[in-house]
Amino acid sequence: MISTVQTPQSDSTPLPDLAVQASSSYFLVTQVKSHRVVYFTDDIEYQPPMEGDWYYISHFHGPLPEGMTLRNCWRWRFNGGVFIDAQTPAAKPQQELLLESNRKALRRILLEKINAVRASQAPKGTLGASIRAEKLRQANAYIAQPEECGDIGFLHGVALARGLSLLEAAQLIICKAADTWHVLQETEQVLEQFTVAIQGARTQEALLAVRESLLQDAYPALSRTCRYPVANTVPIDVDRPLGPVHLCHEKARLRTLLVQHINKLRKSEETDCIAHSDISERRYRAAKAFLQFPGTTSDENEIALLNGYAAAQEIALEDAARQVLKDVSQSNQLLAWSENERIRLLRHISIIRTLADIRRVEATIHTLSQALPASDQAQCPSTAEVKA
């Protein structure tokens, strides 16, 4: 297939120095599917083979691209009128590739945090955004003109579900919409700030500074749950004083962790039954009176609790009373010990300054159950041991 293309000569386009391109008329052989130039010549006697169907022959008038020779014409594409240099661009320096890889990792962490914060404000159901918008419209309309606000079905639903007046329901909807808008504005500002900082970092040191700020200053509580954690590329100085924002979040986290472990220790002394503490106190008084003043008459309800305990354990009443006193003594010892530990560790949390301090306090909190008094770690004696 042969065609002729006429291209106007431009005075600003330098002509190639090669002798083969001295003329301004050429035959170009290109691949049909890719437009790749595989051969060209200025020989007017050139007769291309006519039996092939994978190539396309063009008769081109005008200068060839500067630098195009028979040796490198394969990298050029010709679509019948325009030459395109399809040479693979030179590879970026290794340092630039590493910087770009780290930028992508930080962008992923940034988006992960922004999405996590916004998720708390996002509608939970299908078409939730439309429903929220209609709720807000009805709330604003009701506050502006209660008598002429039209359909306020969504507002009625909120009021009935929450036991509020229509005015209170409207104010609640408006306040929640304002909270959502505040979160969106705040997160968008953080997103823009760190996007610019990440893109503007031109060295590894600058990128590491952005990374540290992203993990510590931008919603630090979410850093532990990031799907794309960034590995430490420099040793961490555990003795370096932490910033006030970082310290504030770490202290709050450690106090919460301490409460969880203290509650876990004390959970064994509690049940979900109503008035459990009152019943335990009555049983303790009955057991104490029975052992201190044998044969005396105690409150019938309290002695009934002790009798019931003895029957359930299949032991004598005197043994049941001793077991109750022992259990109460161990419980009091555990409560006193755990409270002392709680106060002591709260003091340590309040004076932390470095990452090393945080690690020491956190390790101590995790080992609270291993530091229990010996009497609390020991199991209660079995029925056979009590009978013996």
Protein backbone atom coordinates (compact mmCIF):
# COMPACT_ATOMS: atom_id res chain seq x y z
CA MET A 1 0.00 0.00 0.00
CA ILE A 2 1.58 3.30 -1.12
CA SER A 3 0.55 6.86 -0.32
CA THR A 4 2.04 10.31 -0.81
CA VAL A 5 2.27 12.88 1.99
CA GLN A 6 3.12 16.55 1.37
CA THR A 7 4.56 18.38 4.39
CA PRO A 8 5.34 22.10 4.18
CA GLN A 9 8.99 23.04 4.59
CA SER A 10 9.66 25.05 7.78
CA ASP A 11 12.52 27.54 7.79
CA SER A 12 13.06 26.95 11.51
CA THR A 13 13.56 23.17 11.16
CA PRO A 14 17.23 22.31 10.62
CA LEU A 15 17.92 19.79 7.89
CA PRO A 16 19.79 16.59 8.81
CA ASP A 17 23.44 16.47 7.90
CA LEU A 18 23.24 12.89 6.58
CA ALA A 19 23.69 12.46 2.86
CA VAL A 20 20.82 10.04 2.71
CA GLN A 21 18.52 12.88 3.88
CA ALA A 22 19.89 15.48 1.47
CA SER A 23 16.76 15.21 -0.64
CA SER A 24 13.33 16.29 0.63
CA SER A 25 11.40 13.36 -0.85
CA TYR A 26 11.42 9.90 0.74
CA PHE A 27 9.77 6.54 0.70
CA LEU A 28 8.88 5.44 4.26
CA VAL A 29 8.18 1.82 5.14
CA THR A 30 6.15 1.52 8.39
CA GLN A 31 4.42 -1.31 10.20
CA VAL A 32 0.66 -1.24 9.66
CA LYS A 33 -0.33 -1.89 13.30
CA SER A 34 2.29 0.12 15.18
CA HIS A 35 3.31 2.83 12.66
CA ARG A 36 6.93 1.94 13.44
CA VAL A 37 9.37 3.15 10.76
CA VAL A 38 11.43 0.17 9.58
CA TYR A 39 13.05 1.68 6.47
CA PHE A 40 13.27 4.87 4.43
CA THR A 41 15.08 5.91 1.25
CA ASP A 42 15.34 8.85 -1.13
CA ASP A 43 15.96 6.56 -4.11
CA ILE A 44 13.29 7.47 -6.63
CA GLU A 45 13.81 4.09 -8.31
CA TYR A 46 12.86 2.22 -5.08
CA GLN A 47 10.28 -0.49 -5.78
CA PRO A 48 8.79 -1.97 -2.60
CA PRO A 49 7.59 -5.59 -2.69
CA MET A 50 3.89 -5.78 -3.36
CA GLU A 51 3.03 -9.14 -1.78
CA GLY A 52 3.48 -8.13 1.90
CA ASP A 53 0.53 -7.01 4.04
CA TRP A 54 2.27 -6.08 7.31
CA TYR A 55 3.80 -2.83 6.11
CA TYR A 56 2.63 0.46 4.72
CA ILE A 57 4.56 2.53 2.15
CA SER A 58 4.31 6.33 2.30
CA HIS A 59 5.80 8.87 -0.12
CA PHE A 60 6.89 11.70 2.17
CA HIS A 61 7.88 15.22 1.06
CA GLY A 62 9.80 17.31 3.56
CA PRO A 63 12.68 17.06 6.01
CA LEU A 64 13.06 14.03 8.22
CA PRO A 65 13.29 14.48 12.00
CA GLU A 66 16.69 15.62 13.21
CA GLY A 67 18.83 12.67 14.24
CA MET A 68 16.80 10.02 12.42
CA THR A 69 19.01 7.54 10.55
CA LEU A 70 18.63 4.07 9.10
CA ARG A 71 20.18 2.73 12.30
CA ASN A 72 17.66 4.27 14.69
CA CYS A 73 14.57 4.79 12.55
CA TRP A 74 12.87 1.90 14.41
CA ARG A 75 12.26 4.19 17.41
CA TRP A 76 10.18 6.60 15.34
CA ARG A 77 6.47 6.32 14.63
CA PHE A 78 4.90 7.81 11.49
CA ASN A 79 1.12 7.99 11.20
CA GLY A 80 1.04 9.42 7.69
CA GLY A 81 1.77 13.02 8.54
CA VAL A 82 3.61 13.38 11.88
CA PHE A 83 6.79 11.78 13.23
CA ILE A 84 6.80 10.80 16.91
CA ASP A 85 9.97 9.84 18.76
CA ALA A 86 8.91 6.81 20.85
CA GLN A 87 12.28 6.22 22.45
CA THR A 88 12.00 5.05 26.06
CA PRO A 89 12.78 8.05 28.28
CA ALA A 90 16.00 7.92 30.19
CA ALA A 91 15.69 6.25 33.56
CA LYS A 92 15.52 8.58 36.54
CA PRO A 93 18.45 8.57 38.97
CA GLN A 94 18.19 5.98 41.75
CA GLN A 95 17.94 8.70 44.38
CA GLU A 96 14.93 10.26 42.65
CA LEU A 97 13.24 6.85 42.33
CA LEU A 98 13.72 6.23 46.06
CA LEU A 99 12.29 9.65 46.90
CA GLU A 100 9.23 9.06 44.72
CA SER A 101 8.66 5.63 46.29
CA ASN A 102 8.76 7.15 49.77
CA ARG A 103 6.42 9.94 48.67
CA LYS A 104 3.87 7.37 47.51
CA ALA A 105 4.09 5.56 50.86
CA LEU A 106 3.49 8.79 52.78
CA ARG A 107 0.58 9.73 50.53
CA ARG A 108 -1.03 6.36 51.26
CA ILE A 109 -0.64 6.88 55.01
CA LEU A 110 -2.04 10.40 54.72
CA LEU A 111 -5.12 9.21 52.83
CA GLU A 112 -5.56 6.32 55.26
CA LYS A 113 -5.68 8.74 58.20
CA ILE A 114 -7.93 11.28 56.48
CA ASN A 115 -10.39 8.56 55.44
CA ALA A 116 -10.39 7.05 58.94
CA VAL A 117 -11.26 10.41 60.52
CA ARG A 118 -13.94 11.18 57.95
CA ALA A 119 -15.45 7.70 58.25
CA SER A 120 -16.76 8.59 61.71
CA GLN A 121 -18.86 11.34 60.11
CA ALA A 122 -19.92 9.43 57.00
CA PRO A 123 -23.52 8.16 56.62
CA LYS A 124 -23.89 4.49 57.45
CA GLY A 125 -26.72 3.49 55.11
CA THR A 126 -27.49 3.62 51.40
CA LEU A 127 -28.48 7.13 50.25
CA GLY A 128 -27.51 8.37 53.70
CA ALA A 129 -26.03 11.57 52.29
CA SER A 130 -29.33 12.52 50.64
CA ILE A 131 -31.25 11.79 53.83
CA ARG A 132 -28.85 13.90 55.89
CA ALA A 133 -29.22 16.80 53.49
CA GLU A 134 -33.01 16.58 53.70
CA LYS A 135 -32.89 16.39 57.53
CA LEU A 136 -30.75 19.52 57.61
CA ARG A 137 -33.10 21.31 55.21
CA GLN A 138 -36.12 20.42 57.33
CA ALA A 139 -34.35 21.46 60.54
CA ASN A 140 -33.37 24.85 59.12
CA ALA A 141 -36.87 25.37 57.71
CA TYR A 142 -38.52 24.53 61.04
CA ILE A 143 -36.30 26.91 63.01
CA ALA A 144 -36.81 29.69 60.46
CA GLN A 145 -40.61 29.36 60.11
CA PRO A 146 -42.20 26.60 62.24
CA GLU A 147 -45.72 27.32 60.89
CA GLU A 148 -44.75 27.23 57.19
CA CYS A 149 -41.95 24.66 57.08
CA GLY A 150 -43.87 22.11 54.98
CA ASP A 151 -43.09 18.39 55.22
CA ILE A 152 -40.84 17.61 58.20
CA GLY A 153 -41.17 13.83 58.32
CA PHE A 154 -37.48 13.21 58.93
CA LEU A 155 -37.46 15.78 61.73
CA HIS A 156 -40.45 14.08 63.34
CA GLY A 157 -38.60 10.76 63.18
CA VAL A 158 -35.56 12.16 64.98
CA ALA A 159 -37.70 13.77 67.66
CA LEU A 160 -39.71 10.60 68.34
CA ALA A 161 -36.68 8.30 68.37
CA ARG A 162 -34.73 10.46 70.82
CA GLY A 163 -37.62 11.71 72.97
CA LEU A 164 -36.98 15.34 72.03
CA SER A 165 -39.15 18.26 71.06
CA LEU A 166 -39.12 19.31 67.42
CA LEU A 167 -37.04 22.37 68.28
CA GLU A 168 -34.48 20.29 70.17
CA ALA A 169 -34.35 17.73 67.34
CA ALA A 170 -33.78 20.51 64.79
CA GLN A 171 -30.98 22.00 66.89
CA LEU A 172 -29.40 18.54 67.28
CA ILE A 173 -29.41 17.98 63.49
CA ILE A 174 -27.88 21.40 62.85
CA CYS A 175 -25.19 20.85 65.50
CA LYS A 176 -24.25 17.46 64.04
CA ALA A 177 -24.08 18.94 60.54
CA ALA A 178 -21.81 21.68 61.87
CA ASP A 179 -19.57 19.06 63.52
CA THR A 180 -19.34 17.13 60.26
CA TRP A 181 -18.50 20.29 58.33
CA HIS A 182 -15.81 21.16 60.89
CA VAL A 183 -14.24 17.70 60.52
CA LEU A 184 -14.27 18.01 56.72
CA GLN A 185 -12.64 21.43 56.82
CA GLU A 186 -10.01 20.30 59.31
CA THR A 187 -9.12 17.11 57.45
CA GLU A 188 -9.01 18.91 54.10
CA GLN A 189 -6.59 21.45 55.55
CA VAL A 190 -4.40 18.63 56.89
CA LEU A 191 -4.60 16.84 53.54
CA GLU A 192 -3.55 19.93 51.59
CA GLN A 193 -0.79 20.80 54.05
CA PHE A 194 0.88 17.39 53.95
CA THR A 195 0.31 16.89 50.22
CA VAL A 196 2.29 20.05 49.54
CA ALA A 197 4.94 19.10 52.12
CA ILE A 198 5.39 15.60 50.67
CA GLN A 199 5.66 16.85 47.10
CA GLY A 200 8.03 19.64 48.10
CA ALA A 201 10.51 17.40 49.94
CA ARG A 202 13.60 17.15 47.70
CA THR A 203 15.91 15.18 50.00
CA GLN A 204 15.59 12.10 52.18
CA GLU A 205 16.16 14.23 55.27
CA ALA A 206 13.29 16.54 54.36
CA LEU A 207 11.04 13.57 53.60
CA LEU A 208 11.88 11.95 56.95
CA ALA A 209 10.94 15.17 58.71
CA VAL A 210 7.58 15.16 56.88
CA ARG A 211 7.08 11.50 57.79
CA GLU A 212 7.74 12.16 61.49
CA SER A 213 5.30 15.07 61.48
CA LEU A 214 2.69 12.98 59.64
CA LEU A 215 2.88 10.14 62.16
CA GLN A 216 3.18 12.22 65.32
CA ASP A 217 1.22 15.42 64.66
CA ALA A 218 -1.54 14.39 62.25
CA TYR A 219 -3.97 12.24 64.26
CA PRO A 220 -1.22 10.24 66.03
CA ALA A 221 -3.73 7.78 67.54
CA LEU A 222 -4.26 6.38 64.02
CA SER A 223 -0.58 5.81 63.28
CA ARG A 224 -0.56 2.37 64.91
CA THR A 225 -3.40 1.14 62.68
CA CYS A 226 -2.12 2.40 59.32
CA ARG A 227 -2.36 -0.19 56.55
CA TYR A 228 0.85 1.11 55.04
CA PRO A 229 3.36 1.55 57.89
CA VAL A 230 6.66 3.14 56.95
CA ALA A 231 9.64 1.19 58.23
CA ASN A 232 12.19 3.10 60.23
CA THR A 233 15.09 4.02 57.98
CA VAL A 234 17.18 5.64 60.72
CA PRO A 235 17.83 4.46 64.29
CA ILE A 236 15.37 5.85 66.83
CA ASP A 237 16.83 7.86 69.68
CA VAL A 238 14.75 6.54 72.56
CA ASP A 239 16.27 9.06 74.97
CA ARG A 240 15.34 12.13 72.91
CA PRO A 241 12.63 14.24 74.61
CA LEU A 242 9.31 14.01 72.80
CA GLY A 243 7.22 16.95 71.67
CA PRO A 244 4.29 18.13 73.81
CA VAL A 245 1.65 16.88 71.36
CA HIS A 246 3.23 13.44 71.16
CA LEU A 247 3.57 13.27 74.96
CA CYS A 248 -0.05 14.27 75.46
CA HIS A 249 -1.32 11.46 73.22
CA GLU A 250 1.04 8.87 74.70
CA LYS A 251 0.04 9.74 78.26
CA ALA A 252 -3.64 9.42 77.37
CA ARG A 253 -2.96 6.05 75.72
CA LEU A 254 -1.02 4.74 78.72
CA ARG A 255 -3.70 5.86 81.18
CA THR A 256 -6.33 4.04 79.14
CA LEU A 257 -4.13 0.94 78.99
CA LEU A 258 -3.65 1.07 82.77
CA VAL A 259 -7.40 1.28 83.41
CA GLN A 260 -7.99 -1.73 81.14
CA HIS A 261 -5.44 -3.88 83.00
CA ILE A 262 -6.62 -2.80 86.47
CA ASN A 263 -10.22 -3.58 85.51
CA LYS A 264 -9.14 -6.95 84.16
CA LEU A 265 -7.48 -7.77 87.51
CA ARG A 266 -10.54 -6.71 89.49
CA LYS A 267 -13.02 -8.37 87.17
CA SER A 268 -12.63 -11.69 89.01
CA GLU A 269 -14.11 -10.03 92.12
CA GLU A 270 -17.23 -8.79 90.33
CA THR A 271 -20.23 -10.35 88.65
CA ASP A 272 -22.96 -8.98 86.44
CA CYS A 273 -25.66 -9.82 89.00
CA ILE A 274 -27.57 -6.96 90.58
CA ALA A 275 -26.81 -6.29 94.28
CA HIS A 276 -23.89 -8.75 94.24
CA SER A 277 -21.79 -6.49 96.50
CA ASP A 278 -24.62 -6.20 99.04
CA ILE A 279 -25.11 -9.97 99.17
CA SER A 280 -21.38 -10.58 99.57
CA GLU A 281 -21.27 -8.06 102.42
CA ARG A 282 -24.19 -9.78 104.20
CA ARG A 283 -22.61 -13.22 103.81
CA TYR A 284 -19.33 -11.86 105.17
CA ARG A 285 -21.07 -10.43 108.28
CA ALA A 286 -22.82 -13.76 108.89
CA ALA A 287 -19.55 -15.71 108.58
CA LYS A 288 -17.69 -13.31 110.90
CA ALA A 289 -20.44 -13.40 113.53
CA PHE A 290 -20.68 -17.19 113.33
CA LEU A 291 -16.96 -17.65 114.02
CA GLN A 292 -16.62 -14.90 116.64
CA PHE A 293 -19.77 -15.68 118.58
CA PRO A 294 -20.67 -19.36 118.04
CA GLY A 295 -24.18 -20.28 119.02
CA THR A 296 -25.52 -16.75 118.91
CA THR A 297 -28.47 -15.89 116.71
CA SER A 298 -27.64 -13.76 113.66
CA ASP A 299 -29.88 -12.14 111.13
CA GLU A 300 -31.94 -14.92 109.56
CA ASN A 301 -31.40 -13.70 106.00
CA GLU A 302 -27.65 -13.40 106.46
CA ILE A 303 -27.30 -16.85 108.05
CA ALA A 304 -29.45 -18.22 105.21
CA LEU A 305 -26.87 -16.88 102.74
CA LEU A 306 -24.08 -18.63 104.64
CA ASN A 307 -26.09 -21.88 104.80
CA GLY A 308 -26.72 -21.71 101.08
CA TYR A 309 -23.01 -21.22 100.40
CA ALA A 310 -22.09 -24.20 102.62
CA ALA A 311 -24.67 -26.41 100.91
CA ALA A 312 -23.44 -25.42 97.43
CA GLN A 313 -19.83 -26.19 98.38
CA GLU A 314 -20.87 -29.39 100.26
CA ILE A 315 -18.89 -28.40 103.34
CA ALA A 316 -19.69 -27.78 106.98
CA LEU A 317 -21.07 -24.41 108.07
CA GLU A 318 -17.90 -23.58 110.04
CA ASP A 319 -15.68 -24.42 107.06
CA ALA A 320 -17.91 -22.31 104.81
CA ALA A 321 -17.55 -19.35 107.19
CA ARG A 322 -13.76 -19.67 107.18
CA GLN A 323 -13.72 -19.90 103.38
CA VAL A 324 -15.87 -16.77 103.06
CA LEU A 325 -13.51 -14.84 105.34
CA LYS A 326 -10.53 -16.09 103.37
CA ASP A 327 -12.09 -15.05 100.06
CA VAL A 328 -12.91 -11.60 101.39
CA SER A 329 -9.39 -11.19 102.77
CA GLN A 330 -7.85 -12.11 99.42
CA SER A 331 -10.26 -9.80 97.59
CA ASN A 332 -9.40 -6.89 99.87
CA GLN A 333 -5.72 -7.60 99.45
CA LEU A 334 -6.09 -7.58 95.64
CA LEU A 335 -8.06 -4.32 95.66
CA ALA A 336 -5.56 -2.61 97.93
CA TRP A 337 -2.58 -3.83 95.90
CA SER A 338 -4.12 -2.91 92.54
CA GLU A 339 -5.07 0.55 93.79
CA ASN A 340 -1.54 1.17 95.04
CA GLU A 341 -0.14 0.01 91.69
CA ARG A 342 -2.58 2.24 89.83
CA ILE A 343 -1.53 5.32 91.79
CA ARG A 344 2.15 4.47 91.42
CA LEU A 345 1.92 3.98 87.65
CA LEU A 346 -0.16 7.13 87.19
CA ARG A 347 2.71 8.99 88.79
CA HIS A 348 5.19 7.37 86.36
CA ILE A 349 2.94 8.23 83.40
CA SER A 350 2.76 11.87 84.46
CA ILE A 351 6.55 12.29 84.36
CA ILE A 352 7.43 10.46 81.15
CA ARG A 353 9.62 12.48 78.80
CA THR A 354 11.16 10.06 76.29
CA LEU A 355 10.31 6.99 74.26
CA ALA A 356 12.38 4.90 76.69
CA ASP A 357 10.16 6.08 79.56
CA ILE A 358 7.05 5.13 77.59
CA ARG A 359 8.37 1.65 76.85
CA ARG A 360 9.28 1.03 80.50
CA VAL A 361 5.88 2.10 81.82
CA GLU A 362 4.01 0.16 79.13
CA ALA A 363 6.00 -3.00 79.88
CA THR A 364 5.22 -2.60 83.60
CA ILE A 365 1.50 -2.26 82.88
CA HIS A 366 1.50 -5.40 80.75
CA THR A 367 3.15 -7.40 83.56
CA LEU A 368 0.72 -6.35 86.29
CA SER A 369 -0.95 -9.78 86.40
CA GLN A 370 2.46 -11.45 86.86
CA ALA A 371 3.22 -9.19 89.84
CA LEU A 372 0.12 -10.18 91.82
CA PRO A 373 0.64 -11.02 95.53
CA ALA A 374 1.26 -14.73 96.07
CA SER A 375 -2.03 -15.26 97.87
CA ASP A 376 -3.95 -13.85 94.88
CA GLN A 377 -2.14 -16.01 92.35
CA ALA A 378 -2.85 -19.17 94.31
CA GLN A 379 -6.08 -20.96 93.58
CA CYS A 380 -8.78 -21.32 96.20
CA PRO A 381 -8.62 -24.62 98.10
CA SER A 382 -10.74 -27.38 96.69
CA THR A 383 -13.70 -28.85 98.54
CA ALA A 384 -11.62 -31.91 99.48
CA GLU A 385 -8.90 -29.69 100.98
CA VAL A 386 -11.49 -27.73 102.99
CA LYS A 387 -13.10 -30.93 104.27
CA ALA A 388 -9.67 -32.28 105.24
